[in-house]
Amino acid sequence: MAQIFIFLALLLLAEFYLIGQIMDEWGVLPTLLTLVLTGMVGGRLVKREGINTARTLAIKLQEGTPVGLELVEGMLLLFAGFLFIFPGFISDVLALLLLLPLRRWLAVVVARALHGNQARYPSAKAGETIIEGEAIREAETTQPPLLSLPPTGNKFP
């Protein structure tokens, strides 16, 4: 968590430096108008992409197909919206990158990273013993799980 705050603090410093450099080149009013305009346009783009992702999520939920990637894409869109609100040009460029089809590839990478970081066992307290076991289901359902990772390989959906 501390790394996120350090990253945001460094990003904010870089943003202020870049804004100052652009203000020296363009002037104060054009720079501020550009920042406001990118925030407004970016907000609309995030809203449009968010609605499309929510629509896809609803359709997949109705069909009973896995929705893990759509949830991660929604999280990335939320982060893009935050970056558009964050003052500056660097954050706007990063947010625009999250609105491109690159977002689907990044969602796969994030989903795999999150899946790989899950602990195998809950943390045991001192003196406790974890006993492995096996469970056998008597009746398997034919419905696929709602949350699953995409297949491994070089192709992305």
Protein backbone atom coordinates (compact mmCIF):
# COMPACT_ATOMS: atom_id res chain seq x y z
CA MET A 1 0.00 0.00 0.00
CA ALA A 2 2.88 2.33 0.75
CA GLN A 3 4.21 1.73 -2.77
CA ILE A 4 0.97 3.07 -4.24
CA PHE A 5 1.24 6.27 -2.23
CA ILE A 6 4.89 6.68 -3.21
CA PHE A 7 3.98 6.12 -6.88
CA LEU A 8 1.15 8.68 -6.67
CA ALA A 9 3.39 11.22 -4.93
CA LEU A 10 6.09 10.82 -7.58
CA LEU A 11 3.47 11.02 -10.33
CA LEU A 12 2.07 14.21 -8.82
CA LEU A 13 5.55 15.78 -8.68
CA ALA A 14 6.23 14.81 -12.29
CA GLU A 15 2.83 16.18 -13.32
CA PHE A 16 3.44 19.54 -11.65
CA TYR A 17 6.86 19.80 -13.26
CA LEU A 18 5.46 19.02 -16.70
CA ILE A 19 2.53 21.41 -16.24
CA GLY A 20 5.00 24.14 -15.31
CA GLN A 21 7.09 23.46 -18.40
CA ILE A 22 4.02 23.50 -20.66
CA MET A 23 2.75 26.70 -19.02
CA ASP A 24 6.08 28.34 -19.83
CA GLU A 25 5.70 27.25 -23.46
CA TRP A 26 1.96 27.70 -24.09
CA GLY A 27 0.89 30.11 -21.37
CA VAL A 28 -1.35 29.65 -18.33
CA LEU A 29 -4.81 29.83 -19.90
CA PRO A 30 -4.22 27.40 -22.82
CA THR A 31 -2.59 24.91 -20.46
CA LEU A 32 -5.46 25.03 -17.96
CA LEU A 33 -8.07 24.80 -20.73
CA THR A 34 -6.28 21.77 -22.17
CA LEU A 35 -6.24 20.08 -18.76
CA VAL A 36 -9.96 20.73 -18.25
CA LEU A 37 -10.80 19.59 -21.78
CA THR A 38 -8.84 16.33 -21.46
CA GLY A 39 -10.57 15.64 -18.16
CA MET A 40 -14.03 16.20 -19.64
CA VAL A 41 -13.40 14.21 -22.83
CA GLY A 42 -11.68 11.46 -20.84
CA GLY A 43 -14.60 11.23 -18.45
CA ARG A 44 -17.01 10.75 -21.34
CA LEU A 45 -14.81 8.08 -22.90
CA VAL A 46 -14.53 6.21 -19.60
CA LYS A 47 -18.30 6.38 -19.18
CA ARG A 48 -18.89 5.01 -22.69
CA GLU A 49 -16.40 2.16 -22.24
CA GLY A 50 -17.79 1.43 -18.77
CA ILE A 51 -21.32 1.12 -20.14
CA ASN A 52 -20.08 -1.24 -22.88
CA THR A 53 -18.22 -3.36 -20.33
CA ALA A 54 -21.25 -3.44 -18.00
CA ARG A 55 -23.46 -4.49 -20.92
CA THR A 56 -21.05 -7.31 -21.83
CA LEU A 57 -20.88 -8.34 -18.18
CA ALA A 58 -24.69 -8.51 -17.92
CA ILE A 59 -24.98 -10.58 -21.09
CA LYS A 60 -22.33 -13.03 -19.94
CA LEU A 61 -23.97 -13.35 -16.52
CA GLN A 62 -27.31 -14.12 -18.17
CA GLU A 63 -25.65 -16.73 -20.37
CA GLY A 64 -23.81 -18.22 -17.40
CA THR A 65 -20.36 -17.78 -18.96
CA PRO A 66 -17.24 -16.69 -17.03
CA VAL A 67 -17.01 -12.94 -16.35
CA GLY A 68 -13.60 -12.63 -14.70
CA LEU A 69 -12.01 -10.55 -17.45
CA GLU A 70 -14.93 -8.14 -17.61
CA LEU A 71 -14.62 -7.52 -13.87
CA VAL A 72 -10.90 -6.81 -14.23
CA GLU A 73 -11.60 -4.54 -17.23
CA GLY A 74 -14.12 -2.65 -15.09
CA MET A 75 -11.46 -2.20 -12.44
CA LEU A 76 -9.04 -0.87 -15.07
CA LEU A 77 -11.70 1.54 -16.33
CA LEU A 78 -12.24 2.77 -12.80
CA PHE A 79 -8.50 3.38 -12.53
CA ALA A 80 -8.57 5.21 -15.89
CA GLY A 81 -11.32 7.46 -14.56
CA PHE A 82 -9.20 8.23 -11.51
CA LEU A 83 -6.24 9.06 -13.75
CA PHE A 84 -8.36 11.50 -15.76
CA ILE A 85 -9.36 13.26 -12.54
CA PHE A 86 -5.71 13.35 -11.42
CA PRO A 87 -4.26 16.68 -12.62
CA GLY A 88 -1.76 16.50 -15.45
CA PHE A 89 -0.78 15.23 -18.84
CA ILE A 90 1.09 12.06 -17.86
CA SER A 91 -1.93 10.65 -16.07
CA ASP A 92 -4.16 11.55 -19.03
CA VAL A 93 -1.90 9.64 -21.41
CA LEU A 94 -1.86 6.63 -19.07
CA ALA A 95 -5.66 6.78 -18.82
CA LEU A 96 -6.01 6.95 -22.61
CA LEU A 97 -3.84 3.84 -22.89
CA LEU A 98 -6.31 2.05 -20.60
CA LEU A 99 -9.16 2.98 -22.97
CA LEU A 100 -7.51 1.33 -25.98
CA PRO A 101 -7.84 -2.37 -26.86
CA LEU A 102 -4.63 -2.73 -24.83
CA ARG A 103 -6.98 -2.87 -21.81
CA ARG A 104 -8.10 -6.42 -22.70
CA TRP A 105 -4.49 -7.65 -22.80
CA LEU A 106 -3.72 -5.85 -19.54
CA ALA A 107 -6.84 -7.39 -17.96
CA VAL A 108 -5.52 -10.86 -18.83
CA VAL A 109 -2.13 -10.01 -17.32
CA VAL A 110 -3.70 -8.60 -14.14
CA ALA A 111 -6.11 -11.55 -13.80
CA ARG A 112 -3.26 -14.03 -14.09
CA ALA A 113 -1.17 -12.07 -11.60
CA LEU A 114 -4.04 -11.92 -9.11
CA HIS A 115 -4.75 -15.62 -9.58
CA GLY A 116 -1.08 -16.48 -9.01
CA ASN A 117 -0.92 -14.44 -5.79
CA GLN A 118 -3.73 -16.30 -4.05
CA ALA A 119 -2.52 -18.12 -0.99
CA ARG A 120 -2.87 -21.88 -1.09
CA TYR A 121 -3.87 -22.05 2.55
CA PRO A 122 -5.14 -19.45 4.97
CA SER A 123 -2.38 -18.30 7.27
CA ALA A 124 -2.09 -20.56 10.29
CA LYS A 125 -1.59 -19.10 13.71
CA ALA A 126 1.32 -20.19 15.85
CA GLY A 127 0.86 -23.73 17.09
CA GLU A 128 -1.93 -24.62 14.64
CA THR A 129 -1.64 -27.46 12.17
CA ILE A 130 -3.04 -27.49 8.66
CA ILE A 131 -4.28 -30.89 7.55
CA GLU A 132 -4.70 -31.44 3.84
CA GLY A 133 -7.78 -33.31 2.72
CA GLU A 134 -9.69 -34.28 -0.34
CA ALA A 135 -13.35 -33.67 -1.09
CA ILE A 136 -15.37 -35.70 -3.54
CA ARG A 137 -18.54 -34.24 -4.97
CA GLU A 138 -21.37 -36.65 -5.38
CA ALA A 139 -23.26 -34.73 -8.05
CA GLU A 140 -21.39 -32.52 -10.52
CA THR A 141 -23.26 -29.60 -12.02
CA THR A 142 -23.11 -29.00 -15.75
CA GLN A 143 -23.04 -25.21 -15.38
CA PRO A 144 -19.55 -23.69 -15.89
CA PRO A 145 -18.08 -21.46 -13.18
CA LEU A 146 -18.90 -17.76 -13.49
CA LEU A 147 -15.36 -16.61 -12.70
CA SER A 148 -12.47 -18.23 -14.49
CA LEU A 149 -9.21 -17.26 -16.17
CA PRO A 150 -8.79 -17.37 -19.92
CA PRO A 151 -6.77 -20.25 -21.36
CA THR A 152 -3.02 -19.77 -21.42
CA GLY A 153 -1.35 -19.04 -24.71
CA ASN A 154 -0.39 -16.17 -26.92
CA LYS A 155 -3.86 -15.36 -28.25
CA PHE A 156 -6.13 -13.03 -26.33
CA PRO A 157 -9.90 -12.86 -26.82
